[in-house]
Amino acid sequence: MAIKMAINGFGRIGRAALKIAIKNKDLDLVAINDLTDNKT
């Protein structure tokens, strides 16, 4: 059974965590939360 994981923030560490989650079949990425400017 995979470990469910969420990333809070998509900066340098968040992107590194995403790369690890993609390569590791034991991690299940369920959410990414990030604050950005809404210019639209």
N, C-alpha and C. Protein backbone atom coordinates (compact mmCIF):
# COMPACT_ATOMS: atom_id res chain seq x y z
N MET A 1 0.84 -1.18 0.00
CA MET A 1 0.00 0.00 0.00
C MET A 1 0.89 1.25 0.00
N ALA A 2 0.59 2.17 -0.89
CA ALA A 2 1.40 3.38 -1.03
C ALA A 2 1.08 4.39 0.07
N ILE A 3 2.07 5.18 0.41
CA ILE A 3 1.89 6.27 1.37
C ILE A 3 1.34 7.48 0.62
N LYS A 4 0.23 8.03 1.10
CA LYS A 4 -0.35 9.21 0.47
C LYS A 4 0.41 10.44 0.93
N MET A 5 0.75 11.31 -0.03
CA MET A 5 1.58 12.46 0.26
C MET A 5 1.00 13.70 -0.39
N ALA A 6 1.05 14.82 0.30
CA ALA A 6 0.66 16.11 -0.25
C ALA A 6 1.84 17.06 -0.13
N ILE A 7 1.98 17.97 -1.08
CA ILE A 7 3.05 18.95 -1.06
C ILE A 7 2.44 20.31 -0.78
N ASN A 8 2.93 20.97 0.26
CA ASN A 8 2.46 22.31 0.61
C ASN A 8 3.56 23.30 0.22
N GLY A 9 3.39 23.94 -0.92
CA GLY A 9 4.40 24.85 -1.44
C GLY A 9 5.13 24.18 -2.59
N PHE A 10 5.30 24.91 -3.68
CA PHE A 10 5.92 24.31 -4.86
C PHE A 10 7.18 25.08 -5.23
N GLY A 11 7.95 25.42 -4.21
CA GLY A 11 9.25 26.06 -4.42
C GLY A 11 10.31 25.00 -4.66
N ARG A 12 11.53 25.32 -4.27
CA ARG A 12 12.66 24.42 -4.50
C ARG A 12 12.45 23.07 -3.83
N ILE A 13 12.02 23.06 -2.59
CA ILE A 13 11.83 21.81 -1.85
C ILE A 13 10.61 21.06 -2.36
N GLY A 14 9.53 21.77 -2.67
CA GLY A 14 8.33 21.12 -3.20
C GLY A 14 8.59 20.42 -4.53
N ARG A 15 9.36 21.07 -5.40
CA ARG A 15 9.69 20.46 -6.69
C ARG A 15 10.59 19.24 -6.50
N ALA A 16 11.49 19.31 -5.53
CA ALA A 16 12.35 18.15 -5.24
C ALA A 16 11.52 16.99 -4.70
N ALA A 17 10.54 17.30 -3.85
CA ALA A 17 9.65 16.25 -3.32
C ALA A 17 8.83 15.62 -4.43
N LEU A 18 8.39 16.43 -5.41
CA LEU A 18 7.64 15.90 -6.55
C LEU A 18 8.49 14.92 -7.35
N LYS A 19 9.74 15.26 -7.60
CA LYS A 19 10.63 14.36 -8.35
C LYS A 19 10.81 13.04 -7.63
N ILE A 20 10.94 13.10 -6.31
CA ILE A 20 11.08 11.87 -5.52
C ILE A 20 9.79 11.05 -5.58
N ALA A 21 8.64 11.72 -5.48
CA ALA A 21 7.35 11.02 -5.50
C ALA A 21 7.11 10.35 -6.85
N ILE A 22 7.54 10.99 -7.94
CA ILE A 22 7.35 10.41 -9.27
C ILE A 22 8.19 9.14 -9.42
N LYS A 23 9.40 9.16 -8.90
CA LYS A 23 10.31 8.02 -9.04
C LYS A 23 9.99 6.87 -8.09
N ASN A 24 9.32 7.16 -6.97
CA ASN A 24 9.08 6.16 -5.93
C ASN A 24 7.64 5.63 -6.04
N LYS A 25 7.50 4.36 -6.33
CA LYS A 25 6.17 3.75 -6.49
C LYS A 25 5.45 3.56 -5.16
N ASP A 26 6.16 3.72 -4.03
CA ASP A 26 5.53 3.58 -2.71
C ASP A 26 4.90 4.88 -2.23
N LEU A 27 5.03 5.97 -3.00
CA LEU A 27 4.43 7.25 -2.65
C LEU A 27 3.31 7.58 -3.63
N ASP A 28 2.18 8.01 -3.09
CA ASP A 28 1.03 8.38 -3.91
C ASP A 28 0.77 9.87 -3.68
N LEU A 29 1.08 10.70 -4.68
CA LEU A 29 0.89 12.15 -4.56
C LEU A 29 -0.58 12.47 -4.76
N VAL A 30 -1.21 13.07 -3.75
CA VAL A 30 -2.64 13.33 -3.82
C VAL A 30 -2.98 14.81 -3.96
N ALA A 31 -2.05 15.72 -3.60
CA ALA A 31 -2.36 17.15 -3.69
C ALA A 31 -1.08 17.98 -3.71
N ILE A 32 -1.17 19.13 -4.39
CA ILE A 32 -0.12 20.14 -4.34
C ILE A 32 -0.81 21.47 -4.05
N ASN A 33 -0.35 22.16 -3.01
CA ASN A 33 -0.91 23.44 -2.61
C ASN A 33 0.18 24.49 -2.74
N ASP A 34 -0.13 25.61 -3.43
CA ASP A 34 0.86 26.66 -3.58
C ASP A 34 0.16 28.00 -3.68
N LEU A 35 0.77 29.02 -3.14
CA LEU A 35 0.24 30.38 -3.24
C LEU A 35 0.90 31.08 -4.42
N THR A 36 0.09 31.71 -5.26
CA THR A 36 0.62 32.44 -6.41
C THR A 36 -0.14 33.75 -6.56
N ASP A 37 0.37 34.62 -7.39
CA ASP A 37 -0.33 35.85 -7.71
C ASP A 37 -1.42 35.56 -8.74
N ASN A 38 -2.62 36.06 -8.49
CA ASN A 38 -3.72 35.89 -9.45
C ASN A 38 -3.81 37.14 -10.31
N LYS A 39 -3.09 37.16 -11.40
CA LYS A 39 -3.07 38.32 -12.29
C LYS A 39 -4.15 38.24 -13.36
N THR A 40 -4.88 37.15 -13.41
CA THR A 40 -5.92 37.01 -14.43
C THR A 40 -7.25 37.51 -13.94
